[in-house]
Amino acid sequence: MNRAILSAKHPQFAASLREYGYEIIQSETIPCNMPYERDHADLQCLIHDDTVFVLSCCTRLTEALSRDYHVISCGERFSGSYPDNTCLSAVTCGDKLIGRIASLDEKIKAYCHDHEIELIHVNQGYAKCSCVQIADNAVITADNGIIRVLQNTEIDVLPIGKGSIRLDGAEYGFLGGASGYDRDKHTVYFCGDIDRHPDSERIKRFCEIHHTKVISLSEDELTDIGGIIFC
């Protein structure tokens, strides 16, 4: 993976990723009711192995990803309001996919069925944004519903406190939306300084246990930008 999809709203994070050798693909602007969601990459595409699901309105993303991935156009039921804006918001953990099943695009559910991927239902539509993935079998989240579900699976989950994440236009954002996980490099990148989070020491220890490197992309406060999708 040497490319990263993310919002251009906070250019310091893209600039930092370029210093780590990544080519930047800017997310698009989609018709969400909440202005702060319109450029969120984790609502626009979902990658699993050599397949990427992309909202049909994101033509530039489709073109950029088509050279390396089998692209499946999605979003027939997409709308600007919750939960229909979360049809691609899911976490891929090995042979499992975490998301609000009723909200997921039908093409994703068909793909999971055909490839024997277990769907793990959570009530949170913003599943991807709510979870920091740090390994194929490990996530960090402040969502109590997701925590309860994952504690009954093989996926290791670290509960953290809510808040402490900036999201312009909202009371607070999600740590998953302020991060991205590069599987190839076993590295999680945070949009801001992870040391400014109240649970930073527990987060870094959890990542260490799972042999995942932690990189803060700036010294700013952690900011929910809709995640970083590495590809």
C-alpha atoms as a PDB file:
ATOM      1  CA  MET A   1       0.000   0.000   0.000  1.00  0.00           C
ATOM      2  CA  ASN A   2       1.536   3.302  -1.032  1.00  0.00           C
ATOM      3  CA  ARG A   3      -1.535   5.497  -1.450  1.00  0.00           C
ATOM      4  CA  ALA A   4      -3.839   7.122   1.073  1.00  0.00           C
ATOM      5  CA  ILE A   5      -7.377   8.423   0.607  1.00  0.00           C
ATOM      6  CA  LEU A   6      -8.371  11.266   2.933  1.00  0.00           C
ATOM      7  CA  SER A   7     -10.072  14.624   3.161  1.00  0.00           C
ATOM      8  CA  ALA A   8      -8.245  17.710   1.941  1.00  0.00           C
ATOM      9  CA  LYS A   9      -9.836  19.881   4.621  1.00  0.00           C
ATOM     10  CA  HIS A  10      -6.839  19.518   6.950  1.00  0.00           C
ATOM     11  CA  PRO A  11      -3.848  19.536   4.563  1.00  0.00           C
ATOM     12  CA  GLN A  12      -1.252  19.058   7.300  1.00  0.00           C
ATOM     13  CA  PHE A  13      -2.157  15.378   7.558  1.00  0.00           C
ATOM     14  CA  ALA A  14      -1.762  14.764   3.829  1.00  0.00           C
ATOM     15  CA  ALA A  15       1.532  16.650   3.899  1.00  0.00           C
ATOM     16  CA  SER A  16       2.805  14.446   6.717  1.00  0.00           C
ATOM     17  CA  LEU A  17       1.740  11.266   4.906  1.00  0.00           C
ATOM     18  CA  ARG A  18       3.630  12.411   1.814  1.00  0.00           C
ATOM     19  CA  GLU A  19       6.755  12.605   3.970  1.00  0.00           C
ATOM     20  CA  TYR A  20       6.190   8.929   4.792  1.00  0.00           C
ATOM     21  CA  GLY A  21       6.113   8.146   1.064  1.00  0.00           C
ATOM     22  CA  TYR A  22       2.397   7.983   0.368  1.00  0.00           C
ATOM     23  CA  GLU A  23       0.683   9.272  -2.741  1.00  0.00           C
ATOM     24  CA  ILE A  24      -2.429  11.197  -1.708  1.00  0.00           C
ATOM     25  CA  ILE A  25      -5.892  10.682  -3.193  1.00  0.00           C
ATOM     26  CA  GLN A  26      -8.342  13.318  -2.061  1.00  0.00           C
ATOM     27  CA  SER A  27     -11.780  12.160  -1.019  1.00  0.00           C
ATOM     28  CA  GLU A  28     -14.723  13.611  -2.910  1.00  0.00           C
ATOM     29  CA  THR A  29     -17.637  15.799  -1.835  1.00  0.00           C
ATOM     30  CA  ILE A  30     -20.829  13.803  -1.433  1.00  0.00           C
ATOM     31  CA  PRO A  31     -24.398  14.977  -0.663  1.00  0.00           C
ATOM     32  CA  CYS A  32     -24.606  14.378   3.089  1.00  0.00           C
ATOM     33  CA  ASN A  33     -26.959  16.485   5.207  1.00  0.00           C
ATOM     34  CA  MET A  34     -24.241  17.146   7.776  1.00  0.00           C
ATOM     35  CA  PRO A  35     -21.599  19.383   6.157  1.00  0.00           C
ATOM     36  CA  TYR A  36     -18.760  17.831   8.163  1.00  0.00           C
ATOM     37  CA  GLU A  37     -19.490  14.401   6.642  1.00  0.00           C
ATOM     38  CA  ARG A  38     -19.377  15.405   2.990  1.00  0.00           C
ATOM     39  CA  ASP A  39     -15.657  14.760   2.539  1.00  0.00           C
ATOM     40  CA  HIS A  40     -15.344  11.707   4.794  1.00  0.00           C
ATOM     41  CA  ALA A  41     -13.459   8.932   2.998  1.00  0.00           C
ATOM     42  CA  ASP A  42     -14.906   6.206   5.231  1.00  0.00           C
ATOM     43  CA  LEU A  43     -18.381   6.939   3.821  1.00  0.00           C
ATOM     44  CA  GLN A  44     -17.170   6.853   0.219  1.00  0.00           C
ATOM     45  CA  CYS A  45     -15.295   3.566  -0.163  1.00  0.00           C
ATOM     46  CA  LEU A  46     -14.595   0.222   1.498  1.00  0.00           C
ATOM     47  CA  ILE A  47     -11.676  -2.040   0.591  1.00  0.00           C
ATOM     48  CA  HIS A  48     -11.383  -5.788   1.075  1.00  0.00           C
ATOM     49  CA  ASP A  49      -8.422  -7.615  -0.465  1.00  0.00           C
ATOM     50  CA  ASP A  50      -8.416  -6.773  -4.203  1.00  0.00           C
ATOM     51  CA  THR A  51     -11.990  -5.439  -4.236  1.00  0.00           C
ATOM     52  CA  VAL A  52     -13.151  -1.909  -3.471  1.00  0.00           C
ATOM     53  CA  PHE A  53     -16.731  -0.750  -3.040  1.00  0.00           C
ATOM     54  CA  VAL A  54     -17.191   2.878  -4.097  1.00  0.00           C
ATOM     55  CA  LEU A  55     -20.225   5.159  -4.077  1.00  0.00           C
ATOM     56  CA  SER A  56     -21.412   5.558  -7.639  1.00  0.00           C
ATOM     57  CA  CYS A  57     -21.265   9.355  -7.314  1.00  0.00           C
ATOM     58  CA  CYS A  58     -17.530   9.215  -6.566  1.00  0.00           C
ATOM     59  CA  THR A  59     -16.337   8.967 -10.157  1.00  0.00           C
ATOM     60  CA  ARG A  60     -12.859  10.357  -9.488  1.00  0.00           C
ATOM     61  CA  LEU A  61     -12.245   7.802  -6.739  1.00  0.00           C
ATOM     62  CA  THR A  62     -13.489   5.033  -9.003  1.00  0.00           C
ATOM     63  CA  GLU A  63     -11.023   6.071 -11.708  1.00  0.00           C
ATOM     64  CA  ALA A  64      -8.136   6.363  -9.257  1.00  0.00           C
ATOM     65  CA  LEU A  65      -8.737   2.934  -7.721  1.00  0.00           C
ATOM     66  CA  SER A  66      -9.638   0.986 -10.865  1.00  0.00           C
ATOM     67  CA  ARG A  67      -6.000   0.424 -11.869  1.00  0.00           C
ATOM     68  CA  ASP A  68      -5.284  -1.674  -8.749  1.00  0.00           C
ATOM     69  CA  TYR A  69      -8.669  -2.974  -7.619  1.00  0.00           C
ATOM     70  CA  HIS A  70     -11.807  -4.603  -8.867  1.00  0.00           C
ATOM     71  CA  VAL A  71     -14.266  -1.743  -8.362  1.00  0.00           C
ATOM     72  CA  ILE A  72     -17.886  -2.388  -7.404  1.00  0.00           C
ATOM     73  CA  SER A  73     -20.127   0.648  -7.732  1.00  0.00           C
ATOM     74  CA  CYS A  74     -22.538   0.999  -4.809  1.00  0.00           C
ATOM     75  CA  GLY A  75     -25.023   3.316  -3.196  1.00  0.00           C
ATOM     76  CA  GLU A  76     -28.427   2.695  -4.780  1.00  0.00           C
ATOM     77  CA  ARG A  77     -30.003   3.390  -1.384  1.00  0.00           C
ATOM     78  CA  PHE A  78     -27.504   6.061  -0.369  1.00  0.00           C
ATOM     79  CA  SER A  79     -28.985   9.278   0.948  1.00  0.00           C
ATOM     80  CA  GLY A  80     -27.637  12.242   2.827  1.00  0.00           C
ATOM     81  CA  SER A  81     -29.229  11.238   6.116  1.00  0.00           C
ATOM     82  CA  TYR A  82     -28.383   8.611   8.726  1.00  0.00           C
ATOM     83  CA  PRO A  83     -28.359   5.625   8.469  1.00  0.00           C
ATOM     84  CA  ASP A  84     -28.548   5.500   4.651  1.00  0.00           C
ATOM     85  CA  ASN A  85     -25.317   7.500   4.428  1.00  0.00           C
ATOM     86  CA  THR A  86     -23.429   4.639   6.136  1.00  0.00           C
ATOM     87  CA  CYS A  87     -23.886   1.944   3.485  1.00  0.00           C
ATOM     88  CA  LEU A  88     -20.080   1.517   3.177  1.00  0.00           C
ATOM     89  CA  SER A  89     -19.146   2.184   6.799  1.00  0.00           C
ATOM     90  CA  ALA A  90     -17.773  -1.163   7.975  1.00  0.00           C
ATOM     91  CA  VAL A  91     -14.587  -2.632   9.425  1.00  0.00           C
ATOM     92  CA  THR A  92     -12.896  -5.564   7.695  1.00  0.00           C
ATOM     93  CA  CYS A  93     -11.197  -7.846  10.219  1.00  0.00           C
ATOM     94  CA  GLY A  94      -9.768 -10.833   8.379  1.00  0.00           C
ATOM     95  CA  ASP A  95     -12.697 -13.087   7.525  1.00  0.00           C
ATOM     96  CA  LYS A  96     -15.126 -10.873   9.448  1.00  0.00           C
ATOM     97  CA  LEU A  97     -16.861  -7.596   8.655  1.00  0.00           C
ATOM     98  CA  ILE A  98     -18.285  -5.342  11.370  1.00  0.00           C
ATOM     99  CA  GLY A  99     -21.188  -3.048  10.545  1.00  0.00           C
ATOM    100  CA  ARG A 100     -24.862  -2.245  10.876  1.00  0.00           C
ATOM    101  CA  ILE A 101     -26.143  -4.995   8.602  1.00  0.00           C
ATOM    102  CA  ALA A 102     -29.452  -3.338   7.716  1.00  0.00           C
ATOM    103  CA  SER A 103     -27.582  -0.242   6.499  1.00  0.00           C
ATOM    104  CA  LEU A 104     -24.873  -1.974   4.467  1.00  0.00           C
ATOM    105  CA  ASP A 105     -25.071  -1.939   0.688  1.00  0.00           C
ATOM    106  CA  GLU A 106     -26.615  -5.121  -0.706  1.00  0.00           C
ATOM    107  CA  LYS A 107     -23.540  -5.666  -2.890  1.00  0.00           C
ATOM    108  CA  ILE A 108     -21.342  -5.810   0.197  1.00  0.00           C
ATOM    109  CA  LYS A 109     -23.606  -8.366   1.829  1.00  0.00           C
ATOM    110  CA  ALA A 110     -23.640 -10.472  -1.356  1.00  0.00           C
ATOM    111  CA  TYR A 111     -19.832 -10.276  -1.540  1.00  0.00           C
ATOM    112  CA  CYS A 112     -19.523 -11.410   2.076  1.00  0.00           C
ATOM    113  CA  HIS A 113     -21.841 -14.340   1.407  1.00  0.00           C
ATOM    114  CA  ASP A 114     -19.910 -15.397  -1.708  1.00  0.00           C
ATOM    115  CA  HIS A 115     -16.519 -15.109   0.032  1.00  0.00           C
ATOM    116  CA  GLU A 116     -17.607 -16.696   3.339  1.00  0.00           C
ATOM    117  CA  ILE A 117     -17.015 -13.519   5.311  1.00  0.00           C
ATOM    118  CA  GLU A 118     -18.872 -13.415   8.612  1.00  0.00           C
ATOM    119  CA  LEU A 119     -21.051 -10.350   9.104  1.00  0.00           C
ATOM    120  CA  ILE A 120     -20.957  -9.073  12.680  1.00  0.00           C
ATOM    121  CA  HIS A 121     -23.931  -6.818  13.393  1.00  0.00           C
ATOM    122  CA  VAL A 122     -23.585  -3.695  15.535  1.00  0.00           C
ATOM    123  CA  ASN A 123     -26.211  -1.006  16.060  1.00  0.00           C
ATOM    124  CA  GLN A 124     -23.780   1.799  15.249  1.00  0.00           C
ATOM    125  CA  GLY A 125     -24.117   2.787  11.586  1.00  0.00           C
ATOM    126  CA  TYR A 126     -20.833   4.694  11.704  1.00  0.00           C
ATOM    127  CA  ALA A 127     -18.953   1.478  12.449  1.00  0.00           C
ATOM    128  CA  LYS A 128     -15.813   2.378  10.503  1.00  0.00           C
ATOM    129  CA  CYS A 129     -15.573   5.842  12.018  1.00  0.00           C
ATOM    130  CA  SER A 130     -16.170   4.455  15.515  1.00  0.00           C
ATOM    131  CA  CYS A 131     -13.346   1.903  15.398  1.00  0.00           C
ATOM    132  CA  VAL A 132      -9.593   2.261  15.212  1.00  0.00           C
ATOM    133  CA  GLN A 133      -8.348  -0.897  13.568  1.00  0.00           C
ATOM    134  CA  ILE A 134      -4.829  -1.789  14.679  1.00  0.00           C
ATOM    135  CA  ALA A 135      -4.629  -5.407  13.452  1.00  0.00           C
ATOM    136  CA  ASP A 136      -6.771  -7.895  11.563  1.00  0.00           C
ATOM    137  CA  ASN A 137      -8.136  -9.087  14.897  1.00  0.00           C
ATOM    138  CA  ALA A 138      -8.015  -5.963  17.055  1.00  0.00           C
ATOM    139  CA  VAL A 139      -9.850  -2.639  17.297  1.00  0.00           C
ATOM    140  CA  ILE A 140     -10.156   0.318  19.658  1.00  0.00           C
ATOM    141  CA  THR A 141     -13.537   1.962  20.246  1.00  0.00           C
ATOM    142  CA  ALA A 142     -15.546   4.131  22.628  1.00  0.00           C
ATOM    143  CA  ASP A 143     -18.869   2.693  21.422  1.00  0.00           C
ATOM    144  CA  ASN A 144     -20.387   0.569  24.204  1.00  0.00           C
ATOM    145  CA  GLY A 145     -22.593  -1.383  21.801  1.00  0.00           C
ATOM    146  CA  ILE A 146     -19.639  -2.363  19.623  1.00  0.00           C
ATOM    147  CA  ILE A 147     -17.625  -3.273  22.716  1.00  0.00           C
ATOM    148  CA  ARG A 148     -20.362  -5.615  23.978  1.00  0.00           C
ATOM    149  CA  VAL A 149     -20.674  -7.350  20.601  1.00  0.00           C
ATOM    150  CA  LEU A 150     -16.956  -7.796  19.997  1.00  0.00           C
ATOM    151  CA  GLN A 151     -16.313  -9.152  23.486  1.00  0.00           C
ATOM    152  CA  ASN A 152     -18.226 -12.232  22.329  1.00  0.00           C
ATOM    153  CA  THR A 153     -16.005 -12.727  19.265  1.00  0.00           C
ATOM    154  CA  GLU A 154     -12.364 -13.540  18.521  1.00  0.00           C
ATOM    155  CA  ILE A 155     -11.684  -9.847  17.883  1.00  0.00           C
ATOM    156  CA  ASP A 156      -9.693  -8.147  20.638  1.00  0.00           C
ATOM    157  CA  VAL A 157     -11.266  -4.823  21.633  1.00  0.00           C
ATOM    158  CA  LEU A 158      -9.872  -1.992  23.750  1.00  0.00           C
ATOM    159  CA  PRO A 159     -12.595   0.204  25.305  1.00  0.00           C
ATOM    160  CA  ILE A 160     -11.736   3.905  25.592  1.00  0.00           C
ATOM    161  CA  GLY A 161     -13.582   6.988  26.790  1.00  0.00           C
ATOM    162  CA  LYS A 162     -15.791   9.101  24.544  1.00  0.00           C
ATOM    163  CA  GLY A 163     -14.790  12.545  23.341  1.00  0.00           C
ATOM    164  CA  SER A 164     -11.393  14.260  23.109  1.00  0.00           C
ATOM    165  CA  ILE A 165     -11.665  14.234  19.290  1.00  0.00           C
ATOM    166  CA  ARG A 166     -12.282  17.418  17.310  1.00  0.00           C
ATOM    167  CA  LEU A 167     -14.968  17.372  14.626  1.00  0.00           C
ATOM    168  CA  ASP A 168     -15.869  20.798  13.302  1.00  0.00           C
ATOM    169  CA  GLY A 169     -19.632  21.289  13.508  1.00  0.00           C
ATOM    170  CA  ALA A 170     -20.217  18.518  16.061  1.00  0.00           C
ATOM    171  CA  GLU A 171     -19.743  18.166  19.814  1.00  0.00           C
ATOM    172  CA  TYR A 172     -16.967  15.643  19.243  1.00  0.00           C
ATOM    173  CA  GLY A 173     -15.805  13.081  16.721  1.00  0.00           C
ATOM    174  CA  PHE A 174     -14.616   9.460  16.762  1.00  0.00           C
ATOM    175  CA  LEU A 175     -11.061   8.205  17.091  1.00  0.00           C
ATOM    176  CA  GLY A 176     -11.580   5.857  14.151  1.00  0.00           C
ATOM    177  CA  GLY A 177     -12.288   8.904  12.015  1.00  0.00           C
ATOM    178  CA  ALA A 178      -9.025  10.413  13.253  1.00  0.00           C
ATOM    179  CA  SER A 179      -6.912   7.464  12.173  1.00  0.00           C
ATOM    180  CA  GLY A 180      -6.001   4.939   9.508  1.00  0.00           C
ATOM    181  CA  TYR A 181      -4.362   1.503   9.551  1.00  0.00           C
ATOM    182  CA  ASP A 182      -1.835   0.388   6.950  1.00  0.00           C
ATOM    183  CA  ARG A 183      -1.857  -3.417   7.078  1.00  0.00           C
ATOM    184  CA  ASP A 184       1.277  -3.774   4.972  1.00  0.00           C
ATOM    185  CA  LYS A 185       3.327  -1.612   7.315  1.00  0.00           C
ATOM    186  CA  HIS A 186       1.551  -2.752  10.516  1.00  0.00           C
ATOM    187  CA  THR A 187       1.189   0.927  11.370  1.00  0.00           C
ATOM    188  CA  VAL A 188      -1.684   3.058  12.635  1.00  0.00           C
ATOM    189  CA  TYR A 189      -1.544   6.761  11.841  1.00  0.00           C
ATOM    190  CA  PHE A 190      -3.406   9.324  13.937  1.00  0.00           C
ATOM    191  CA  CYS A 191      -4.640  12.690  12.658  1.00  0.00           C
ATOM    192  CA  GLY A 192      -3.165  14.696  15.484  1.00  0.00           C
ATOM    193  CA  ASP A 193      -1.138  13.794  18.534  1.00  0.00           C
ATOM    194  CA  ILE A 194      -2.242  10.559  20.198  1.00  0.00           C
ATOM    195  CA  ASP A 195      -0.464  11.650  23.381  1.00  0.00           C
ATOM    196  CA  ARG A 196      -3.161  14.310  23.811  1.00  0.00           C
ATOM    197  CA  HIS A 197      -5.830  11.609  24.260  1.00  0.00           C
ATOM    198  CA  PRO A 198      -6.692  10.718  27.901  1.00  0.00           C
ATOM    199  CA  ASP A 199      -6.272   7.007  27.108  1.00  0.00           C
ATOM    200  CA  SER A 200      -3.072   7.422  25.105  1.00  0.00           C
ATOM    201  CA  GLU A 201      -0.909   5.141  27.233  1.00  0.00           C
ATOM    202  CA  ARG A 202      -3.461   2.311  27.100  1.00  0.00           C
ATOM    203  CA  ILE A 203      -3.861   2.823  23.357  1.00  0.00           C
ATOM    204  CA  LYS A 204      -0.120   2.669  22.718  1.00  0.00           C
ATOM    205  CA  ARG A 205       0.256  -0.399  24.946  1.00  0.00           C
ATOM    206  CA  PHE A 206      -2.592  -2.162  23.107  1.00  0.00           C
ATOM    207  CA  CYS A 207      -0.903  -1.415  19.776  1.00  0.00           C
ATOM    208  CA  GLU A 208       2.411  -2.692  21.133  1.00  0.00           C
ATOM    209  CA  ILE A 209       0.773  -5.966  22.190  1.00  0.00           C
ATOM    210  CA  HIS A 210      -0.451  -6.417  18.611  1.00  0.00           C
ATOM    211  CA  HIS A 211       2.947  -5.440  17.140  1.00  0.00           C
ATOM    212  CA  THR A 212       1.546  -2.305  15.532  1.00  0.00           C
ATOM    213  CA  LYS A 213       3.564   0.887  15.188  1.00  0.00           C
ATOM    214  CA  VAL A 214       1.922   4.170  16.223  1.00  0.00           C
ATOM    215  CA  ILE A 215       2.555   7.428  14.360  1.00  0.00           C
ATOM    216  CA  SER A 216       1.058  10.843  15.133  1.00  0.00           C
ATOM    217  CA  LEU A 217       0.788  12.951  11.969  1.00  0.00           C
ATOM    218  CA  SER A 218       0.980  16.272  13.795  1.00  0.00           C
ATOM    219  CA  GLU A 219       1.174  17.816  17.247  1.00  0.00           C
ATOM    220  CA  ASP A 220      -2.368  19.169  16.893  1.00  0.00           C
ATOM    221  CA  GLU A 221      -5.407  17.907  18.769  1.00  0.00           C
ATOM    222  CA  LEU A 222      -6.835  14.681  17.378  1.00  0.00           C
ATOM    223  CA  THR A 223      -9.241  15.496  14.545  1.00  0.00           C
ATOM    224  CA  ASP A 224     -11.939  13.356  12.949  1.00  0.00           C
ATOM    225  CA  ILE A 225     -11.457  13.809   9.194  1.00  0.00           C
ATOM    226  CA  GLY A 226     -13.422  10.719   8.140  1.00  0.00           C
ATOM    227  CA  GLY A 227     -10.469   8.390   8.463  1.00  0.00           C
ATOM    228  CA  ILE A 228      -7.551   7.501   6.217  1.00  0.00           C
ATOM    229  CA  ILE A 229      -8.045   4.648   3.750  1.00  0.00           C
ATOM    230  CA  PHE A 230      -4.760   3.071   2.679  1.00  0.00           C
ATOM    231  CA  CYS A 231      -4.668   1.370  -0.704  1.00  0.00           C
END
